[in-house]
Amino acid sequence: MSRIYLDHASATPVAKEVVDAMVPYWSETFGNPSSIHKDGIQSHKVVARARKSIADSLGVHSDEIIFTGSATESCNLALMGTVHAWKKNHPGEIAHIIVSEIEHEAVLGAAKLLEGEGVQVSYLPVDGHGVVLLDTLASIITKNTVVISVMLANNEIGTIQPVSSVAKIIRTWKKDVRGVTRDTSISGDQIYPLLHSDACQATNYLPIKIPALGVDLLTINAAKIYGPKGIALLVSLRPVPILPIVVGGAHEAGRRAGTENVPFIVGFAEALKLTERVRDNESTRLSALRDNIVGELKKNPAIVLNGSLSARLPNNIHFSIRGADHEFLALTLDAKGISVSTKSACNEQDAEYSHVLGALVRAGHNTESNGIRVTMGRSSTANDITALLRVVSVLFPSEIVTPL
């Protein structure tokens, strides 16, 4: 039986072009990039080319790219690294951070750890569609706010966040409180608060240009864009004070210790180039499939769609079925050869409910505590969607639910 994979938010297959680009750096050009001999210098140049390629794509300088081992590490570094740097320069003061309440656990976990260190954490609420409340954000920034983290697109429900509007609110606050304008030569506390965004789910489908987004820190994961698992990055703009959370070497300009993973870095750069080439066409194609699924699911009164229907990733459909055991439904679909998930793969096995849906319920959205996440990818077809809808309609029949 040929399987249907509809869980691309969890992991994507490595593209052939990416595999081919990585091959020479396993056993041909294998030197340590930190070594001073010819082999090391050769690897160093390879990493430098890949770094520049990625930096050019994102609209930043090469030295503003920090390679890490995962998006979780990047998010941890964005929060803990900036807070620890701030605390070093503000002894005796209490740091404050703001994170949206529907962030990935990589951000929420770091926030909780910092909370245990005495950092004040504010959780920015969302509306019933999962969009952060901008008016609330403007009211909770303080002079000790170090970093604000709002993901570009939610990993469960696919809602796209108004990150550029968040950046505008921060700029306005800095102007009103710190006197910062476009002509100001920023120094000291004028840089705060910083803005971090987790763009892992958005990179395949949204243009990622740092100047346009207005962020100071940005996380991207190769595993979500048809690149290898085990390599991610954090963009940290030049003025951002940040301390390493992985120590033991001066790699990545002293911001992240550990020998650079040359083949994975090369694969990352190739994956991002490929993503940029196919982004527009894939977004258009998958948006049409997504809208067809949504149209069919809306016909069943037992099904509740979660997340914004307008500000949404092209490949994401998230729904709940009233009174259903969603884990059982996911396993039933799996038995029939269809891979979907109930929530983020990072907490699929350790939570009985979705914290994202919990936030929507608190905002007035009438849904369940869990649901089914369908995330399409480059291999997804209309036939895949027909098969999915057929199973759902058999398990949860409605006279008005029909396959495409």
Protein backbone atom coordinates (compact mmCIF):
# COMPACT_ATOMS: atom_id res chain seq x y z
CA MET A 1 0.00 0.00 0.00
CA SER A 2 1.38 3.39 -1.03
CA ARG A 3 1.33 5.74 1.92
CA ILE A 4 0.00 9.31 1.88
CA TYR A 5 2.15 11.68 3.90
CA LEU A 6 0.27 14.73 5.23
CA ASP A 7 2.51 15.73 8.13
CA HIS A 8 5.01 18.05 6.46
CA ALA A 9 4.91 20.45 9.43
CA SER A 10 6.69 17.73 11.43
CA ALA A 11 9.31 16.79 8.86
CA THR A 12 9.94 17.01 5.15
CA PRO A 13 11.91 14.56 3.00
CA VAL A 14 15.35 15.73 1.98
CA ALA A 15 15.21 16.97 -1.61
CA LYS A 16 17.40 15.15 -4.15
CA GLU A 17 19.16 18.39 -5.04
CA VAL A 18 20.05 18.83 -1.37
CA VAL A 19 21.39 15.28 -1.05
CA ASP A 20 23.50 15.76 -4.17
CA ALA A 21 24.92 19.05 -2.86
CA MET A 22 25.93 17.41 0.42
CA VAL A 23 27.67 14.32 -1.02
CA PRO A 24 31.20 15.76 -1.55
CA TYR A 25 31.43 16.91 2.05
CA TRP A 26 31.09 13.54 3.74
CA SER A 27 34.37 11.97 2.71
CA GLU A 28 36.05 14.16 0.06
CA THR A 29 36.13 17.65 1.58
CA PHE A 30 35.96 16.60 5.22
CA GLY A 31 38.45 18.82 7.07
CA ASN A 32 37.57 20.64 10.28
CA PRO A 33 36.71 24.25 9.30
CA SER A 34 38.65 25.53 12.31
CA SER A 35 41.91 23.85 11.28
CA ILE A 36 44.67 25.97 9.75
CA HIS A 37 45.89 23.39 7.22
CA LYS A 38 44.73 23.21 3.60
CA ASP A 39 41.94 20.71 4.29
CA GLY A 40 40.54 22.85 7.09
CA ILE A 41 40.76 26.03 5.04
CA GLN A 42 38.93 24.32 2.19
CA SER A 43 36.05 23.37 4.52
CA HIS A 44 36.07 26.85 6.03
CA LYS A 45 35.56 28.36 2.57
CA VAL A 46 32.68 25.98 1.88
CA VAL A 47 30.94 27.02 5.11
CA ALA A 48 31.58 30.69 4.33
CA ARG A 49 29.97 30.34 0.87
CA ALA A 50 26.92 28.60 2.30
CA ARG A 51 26.61 31.17 5.07
CA LYS A 52 26.75 34.03 2.55
CA SER A 53 24.17 32.34 0.33
CA ILE A 54 21.76 32.05 3.25
CA ALA A 55 22.49 35.57 4.48
CA ASP A 56 21.84 37.01 1.00
CA SER A 57 18.51 35.17 0.87
CA LEU A 58 17.44 36.62 4.22
CA GLY A 59 18.77 40.12 3.58
CA VAL A 60 21.40 40.14 6.35
CA HIS A 61 25.18 40.05 6.76
CA SER A 62 27.02 36.74 6.83
CA ASP A 63 28.26 37.35 10.37
CA GLU A 64 24.66 37.64 11.54
CA ILE A 65 24.02 33.94 10.86
CA ILE A 66 24.57 31.52 13.77
CA PHE A 67 24.35 27.83 12.83
CA THR A 68 22.86 25.59 15.52
CA GLY A 69 21.89 21.94 15.88
CA SER A 70 18.12 22.48 15.89
CA ALA A 71 15.38 25.10 15.87
CA THR A 72 14.86 24.33 19.56
CA GLU A 73 18.45 25.36 20.24
CA SER A 74 18.03 28.49 18.13
CA CYS A 75 14.91 29.56 20.04
CA ASN A 76 16.62 28.79 23.35
CA LEU A 77 19.60 30.90 22.31
CA ALA A 78 17.37 33.76 21.19
CA LEU A 79 15.70 33.98 24.59
CA MET A 80 18.30 32.77 27.07
CA GLY A 81 21.28 34.25 25.25
CA THR A 82 19.78 37.75 25.11
CA VAL A 83 18.41 37.67 28.66
CA HIS A 84 21.71 36.46 30.11
CA ALA A 85 23.55 39.23 28.25
CA TRP A 86 21.08 41.81 29.59
CA LYS A 87 21.36 40.50 33.15
CA LYS A 88 25.16 40.71 32.97
CA ASN A 89 24.85 44.44 32.27
CA HIS A 90 21.96 45.05 34.69
CA PRO A 91 22.97 43.48 38.00
CA GLY A 92 20.22 43.49 40.60
CA GLU A 93 17.45 44.25 38.08
CA ILE A 94 14.66 41.87 37.05
CA ALA A 95 14.53 41.06 33.35
CA HIS A 96 11.17 40.82 31.58
CA ILE A 97 10.24 38.93 28.41
CA ILE A 98 7.04 38.55 26.39
CA VAL A 99 6.09 35.42 24.45
CA SER A 100 2.85 34.63 22.70
CA GLU A 101 0.87 31.93 24.46
CA ILE A 102 0.76 29.76 21.33
CA GLU A 103 4.51 29.62 20.71
CA HIS A 104 6.25 26.33 20.04
CA GLU A 105 7.51 24.51 23.12
CA ALA A 106 11.05 25.51 22.13
CA VAL A 107 10.13 29.08 23.08
CA LEU A 108 7.74 28.29 25.93
CA GLY A 109 10.21 25.88 27.50
CA ALA A 110 12.95 28.50 27.43
CA ALA A 111 10.55 31.05 28.92
CA LYS A 112 9.66 28.70 31.76
CA LEU A 113 13.33 28.02 32.45
CA LEU A 114 14.02 31.76 32.59
CA GLU A 115 10.99 32.20 34.84
CA GLY A 116 12.67 29.77 37.23
CA GLU A 117 15.73 32.05 37.20
CA GLY A 118 13.62 34.97 38.38
CA VAL A 119 12.82 36.49 34.99
CA GLN A 120 9.35 38.00 34.69
CA VAL A 121 7.43 36.41 31.81
CA SER A 122 4.29 37.83 30.19
CA TYR A 123 2.25 35.53 27.95
CA LEU A 124 0.68 37.48 25.09
CA PRO A 125 -2.87 36.24 24.43
CA VAL A 126 -4.46 35.58 21.04
CA ASP A 127 -7.94 35.95 19.62
CA GLY A 128 -10.20 33.05 18.64
CA HIS A 129 -8.36 32.68 15.32
CA GLY A 130 -4.95 32.48 16.98
CA VAL A 131 -3.79 36.00 16.10
CA VAL A 132 -1.84 37.85 18.81
CA LEU A 133 -3.59 40.82 20.42
CA LEU A 134 -1.55 43.82 19.36
CA ASP A 135 -3.25 46.26 21.72
CA THR A 136 -2.37 44.04 24.65
CA LEU A 137 1.24 43.86 23.52
CA ALA A 138 1.58 47.63 23.49
CA SER A 139 0.35 47.80 27.09
CA ILE A 140 2.72 45.23 28.63
CA ILE A 141 6.12 46.36 27.35
CA THR A 142 8.29 47.71 30.17
CA LYS A 143 11.71 49.33 30.44
CA ASN A 144 13.09 45.94 31.48
CA THR A 145 11.57 44.02 28.56
CA VAL A 146 14.54 42.28 26.95
CA VAL A 147 12.97 40.23 24.17
CA ILE A 148 9.54 39.62 22.64
CA SER A 149 8.97 36.34 20.79
CA VAL A 150 6.12 35.98 18.29
CA MET A 151 6.26 33.17 15.72
CA LEU A 152 5.71 34.06 12.08
CA ALA A 153 3.27 31.19 11.53
CA ASN A 154 1.88 28.76 14.08
CA ASN A 155 3.07 25.19 13.79
CA GLU A 156 -0.30 23.65 14.75
CA ILE A 157 -3.09 25.77 13.32
CA GLY A 158 -1.15 27.56 10.57
CA THR A 159 -2.19 31.09 11.56
CA ILE A 160 0.17 33.73 10.17
CA GLN A 161 1.08 36.35 12.75
CA PRO A 162 1.38 40.10 12.00
CA VAL A 163 5.08 40.16 12.92
CA SER A 164 5.77 43.37 11.01
CA SER A 165 2.97 45.04 13.01
CA VAL A 166 4.55 43.73 16.22
CA ALA A 167 7.83 45.30 15.08
CA LYS A 168 6.05 48.60 14.45
CA ILE A 169 4.61 48.60 17.98
CA ILE A 170 8.09 48.02 19.38
CA ARG A 171 9.54 50.84 17.26
CA THR A 172 6.80 53.19 18.44
CA TRP A 173 7.48 52.26 22.07
CA LYS A 174 11.21 52.84 21.61
CA LYS A 175 10.51 56.24 20.07
CA ASP A 176 8.09 57.30 22.80
CA VAL A 177 10.01 55.90 25.78
CA ARG A 178 13.67 55.76 24.71
CA GLY A 179 13.68 58.54 22.13
CA VAL A 180 14.87 56.25 19.35
CA THR A 181 14.25 57.39 15.76
CA ARG A 182 15.49 56.18 12.39
CA ASP A 183 18.35 58.67 12.64
CA THR A 184 19.37 57.58 16.14
CA SER A 185 22.74 55.88 16.56
CA ILE A 186 21.51 53.16 18.92
CA SER A 187 23.52 52.38 22.02
CA GLY A 188 23.00 50.70 25.37
CA ASP A 189 19.40 50.04 26.38
CA GLN A 190 18.04 51.76 23.27
CA ILE A 191 18.19 48.40 21.51
CA TYR A 192 15.61 46.88 23.86
CA PRO A 193 13.16 45.27 23.57
CA LEU A 194 14.42 42.90 20.91
CA LEU A 195 12.05 41.01 18.62
CA HIS A 196 12.49 37.30 17.90
CA SER A 197 10.37 35.26 15.50
CA ASP A 198 10.27 31.51 14.94
CA ALA A 199 9.87 31.27 11.16
CA CYS A 200 10.31 27.50 10.83
CA GLN A 201 6.84 26.78 9.44
CA ALA A 202 6.66 29.94 7.34
CA THR A 203 9.87 29.63 5.32
CA ASN A 204 8.41 27.33 2.66
CA TYR A 205 5.52 29.66 1.88
CA LEU A 206 6.24 33.25 2.97
CA PRO A 207 9.00 35.62 1.82
CA ILE A 208 11.56 35.80 4.63
CA LYS A 209 13.41 39.11 4.49
CA ILE A 210 14.67 40.39 7.83
CA PRO A 211 14.50 44.13 6.99
CA ALA A 212 10.86 43.81 5.89
CA LEU A 213 9.87 41.80 8.97
CA GLY A 214 11.63 44.19 11.32
CA VAL A 215 12.96 41.46 13.62
CA ASP A 216 16.26 41.38 15.48
CA LEU A 217 16.39 37.58 15.80
CA LEU A 218 14.94 34.87 13.57
CA THR A 219 14.89 31.07 13.74
CA ILE A 220 14.81 28.78 10.67
CA ASN A 221 15.10 24.98 10.56
CA ALA A 222 16.45 23.07 7.54
CA ALA A 223 14.32 20.03 8.37
CA LYS A 224 11.14 21.97 7.53
CA ILE A 225 12.32 23.07 4.08
CA TYR A 226 13.41 19.73 2.57
CA GLY A 227 16.88 19.96 4.08
CA PRO A 228 18.69 17.67 6.53
CA LYS A 229 17.60 17.22 10.15
CA GLY A 230 20.09 18.41 12.73
CA ILE A 231 20.90 21.87 11.37
CA ALA A 232 19.16 25.17 12.00
CA LEU A 233 20.11 28.79 12.37
CA LEU A 234 19.49 31.89 14.40
CA VAL A 235 19.78 35.27 12.74
CA SER A 236 21.15 37.69 15.34
CA LEU A 237 21.65 41.20 13.99
CA ARG A 238 24.97 42.89 14.69
CA PRO A 239 23.88 45.21 17.53
CA VAL A 240 22.19 42.39 19.49
CA PRO A 241 23.99 41.50 22.75
CA ILE A 242 23.87 37.70 23.11
CA LEU A 243 25.76 35.17 25.21
CA PRO A 244 26.27 31.52 24.17
CA ILE A 245 24.30 28.74 25.81
CA VAL A 246 26.57 26.06 24.29
CA VAL A 247 30.14 26.70 25.38
CA GLY A 248 33.54 25.09 24.87
CA GLY A 249 34.89 26.79 21.77
CA ALA A 250 34.99 30.02 19.81
CA HIS A 251 32.92 28.76 16.88
CA GLU A 252 30.24 30.96 15.28
CA ALA A 253 32.11 34.08 16.43
CA GLY A 254 31.99 32.86 20.01
CA ARG A 255 28.20 32.58 20.07
CA ARG A 256 27.81 28.79 19.72
CA ALA A 257 30.55 26.26 20.43
CA GLY A 258 30.91 23.11 18.35
CA THR A 259 32.59 22.07 15.10
CA GLU A 260 30.55 23.24 12.13
CA ASN A 261 28.60 20.48 10.36
CA VAL A 262 29.86 21.14 6.85
CA PRO A 263 27.61 18.83 4.78
CA PHE A 264 24.49 19.87 6.71
CA ILE A 265 25.32 23.57 6.32
CA VAL A 266 25.78 23.06 2.58
CA GLY A 267 22.47 21.16 2.48
CA PHE A 268 20.76 23.95 4.38
CA ALA A 269 21.91 26.56 1.88
CA GLU A 270 20.80 24.40 -1.06
CA ALA A 271 17.41 23.72 0.53
CA LEU A 272 16.78 27.42 1.04
CA LYS A 273 17.71 28.21 -2.58
CA LEU A 274 15.35 25.49 -3.80
CA THR A 275 12.58 26.75 -1.52
CA GLU A 276 12.88 30.23 -2.97
CA ARG A 277 12.64 28.88 -6.51
CA VAL A 278 9.42 26.93 -5.92
CA ARG A 279 7.79 29.05 -3.19
CA ASP A 280 5.32 31.03 -5.26
CA ASN A 281 4.08 28.13 -7.39
CA GLU A 282 3.79 25.78 -4.42
CA SER A 283 1.94 28.36 -2.35
CA THR A 284 -0.60 28.86 -5.13
CA ARG A 285 -1.03 25.13 -5.75
CA LEU A 286 -1.40 24.16 -2.11
CA SER A 287 -3.70 27.07 -1.32
CA ALA A 288 -6.17 25.68 -3.85
CA LEU A 289 -6.00 22.20 -2.31
CA ARG A 290 -6.32 23.66 1.19
CA ASP A 291 -9.40 25.66 0.27
CA ASN A 292 -11.03 22.57 -1.26
CA ILE A 293 -10.46 20.60 1.95
CA VAL A 294 -11.79 23.44 4.08
CA GLY A 295 -14.88 23.72 1.88
CA GLU A 296 -15.65 20.02 2.29
CA LEU A 297 -14.98 19.93 6.03
CA LYS A 298 -17.24 22.93 6.63
CA LYS A 299 -20.18 20.89 5.33
CA ASN A 300 -20.06 18.61 8.37
CA PRO A 301 -21.65 20.29 11.43
CA ALA A 302 -19.60 18.12 13.78
CA ILE A 303 -16.32 19.50 12.43
CA VAL A 304 -14.77 22.71 13.78
CA LEU A 305 -12.02 24.42 11.80
CA ASN A 306 -9.26 25.94 13.91
CA GLY A 307 -7.13 28.95 13.08
CA SER A 308 -7.61 31.89 10.76
CA LEU A 309 -9.16 31.05 7.40
CA SER A 310 -7.60 34.13 5.78
CA ALA A 311 -4.20 34.63 7.43
CA ARG A 312 -3.15 31.01 7.07
CA LEU A 313 -0.30 28.96 5.65
CA PRO A 314 -1.16 27.46 2.23
CA ASN A 315 -0.42 23.88 3.34
CA ASN A 316 -2.18 23.79 6.73
CA ILE A 317 -5.63 22.49 7.68
CA HIS A 318 -6.48 21.97 11.34
CA PHE A 319 -9.84 20.71 12.52
CA SER A 320 -11.53 19.20 15.55
CA ILE A 321 -14.49 16.83 15.60
CA ARG A 322 -16.89 17.29 18.49
CA GLY A 323 -16.65 14.42 20.98
CA ALA A 324 -14.05 12.56 18.94
CA ASP A 325 -10.93 10.81 20.17
CA HIS A 326 -8.48 12.60 17.90
CA GLU A 327 -5.57 10.35 18.78
CA PHE A 328 -7.68 7.35 17.75
CA LEU A 329 -8.60 9.11 14.51
CA ALA A 330 -4.92 9.83 13.74
CA LEU A 331 -4.04 6.18 14.42
CA THR A 332 -6.96 5.00 12.27
CA LEU A 333 -5.78 7.19 9.41
CA ASP A 334 -2.27 5.83 9.94
CA ALA A 335 -3.59 2.26 9.69
CA LYS A 336 -5.16 3.22 6.37
CA GLY A 337 -1.85 4.60 5.11
CA ILE A 338 -2.39 8.31 5.80
CA SER A 339 0.02 10.20 8.05
CA VAL A 340 -1.37 13.17 9.99
CA SER A 341 -0.75 14.47 13.51
CA THR A 342 -2.76 15.69 16.45
CA LYS A 343 -0.37 18.47 17.47
CA SER A 344 3.27 19.47 17.20
CA ALA A 345 5.51 16.43 16.87
CA CYS A 346 7.61 17.83 19.72
CA ASN A 347 4.81 17.27 22.23
CA GLU A 348 2.69 14.67 20.47
CA GLN A 349 3.37 12.07 23.16
CA ASP A 350 3.52 14.18 26.32
CA ALA A 351 0.30 16.17 26.42
CA GLU A 352 -3.35 15.16 26.38
CA TYR A 353 -4.45 18.50 25.01
CA SER A 354 -3.14 21.21 22.74
CA HIS A 355 -1.98 24.39 24.48
CA VAL A 356 -2.69 26.19 21.20
CA LEU A 357 -6.33 25.12 21.13
CA GLY A 358 -6.56 25.89 24.85
CA ALA A 359 -5.59 29.49 24.06
CA LEU A 360 -8.25 29.65 21.33
CA VAL A 361 -10.90 28.34 23.73
CA ARG A 362 -9.97 30.98 26.31
CA ALA A 363 -10.46 33.56 23.56
CA GLY A 364 -14.00 32.28 22.88
CA HIS A 365 -13.47 29.78 20.06
CA ASN A 366 -15.84 26.84 20.53
CA THR A 367 -13.59 23.90 19.77
CA GLU A 368 -12.19 20.76 21.39
CA SER A 369 -9.05 20.31 23.48
CA ASN A 370 -7.33 18.52 20.61
CA GLY A 371 -7.63 18.12 16.87
CA ILE A 372 -6.16 16.84 13.62
CA ARG A 373 -3.41 18.70 11.80
CA VAL A 374 -3.10 18.08 8.07
CA THR A 375 -0.03 19.65 6.48
CA MET A 376 0.62 19.15 2.79
CA GLY A 377 3.88 19.38 0.89
CA ARG A 378 5.46 19.25 -2.54
CA SER A 379 4.35 15.67 -3.14
CA SER A 380 0.71 16.21 -2.08
CA THR A 381 -2.02 15.77 -4.68
CA ALA A 382 -5.79 16.12 -4.98
CA ASN A 383 -6.03 12.32 -4.81
CA ASP A 384 -4.35 12.38 -1.41
CA ILE A 385 -6.98 14.78 -0.16
CA THR A 386 -9.80 12.70 -1.60
CA ALA A 387 -8.49 9.66 0.30
CA LEU A 388 -8.30 11.63 3.55
CA LEU A 389 -11.81 13.03 3.22
CA ARG A 390 -13.17 9.59 2.37
CA VAL A 391 -11.88 8.11 5.62
CA VAL A 392 -13.11 11.05 7.69
CA SER A 393 -16.57 10.90 6.09
CA VAL A 394 -16.83 7.15 6.82
CA LEU A 395 -15.80 7.53 10.44
CA PHE A 396 -17.89 10.66 10.99
CA PRO A 397 -20.71 10.40 8.44
CA SER A 398 -22.83 13.31 7.35
CA GLU A 399 -25.21 13.31 4.45
CA ILE A 400 -23.59 16.48 3.18
CA VAL A 401 -19.98 15.31 3.38
CA THR A 402 -18.63 13.96 0.11
CA PRO A 403 -15.13 13.37 -1.16
CA LEU A 404 -13.76 15.86 -3.70
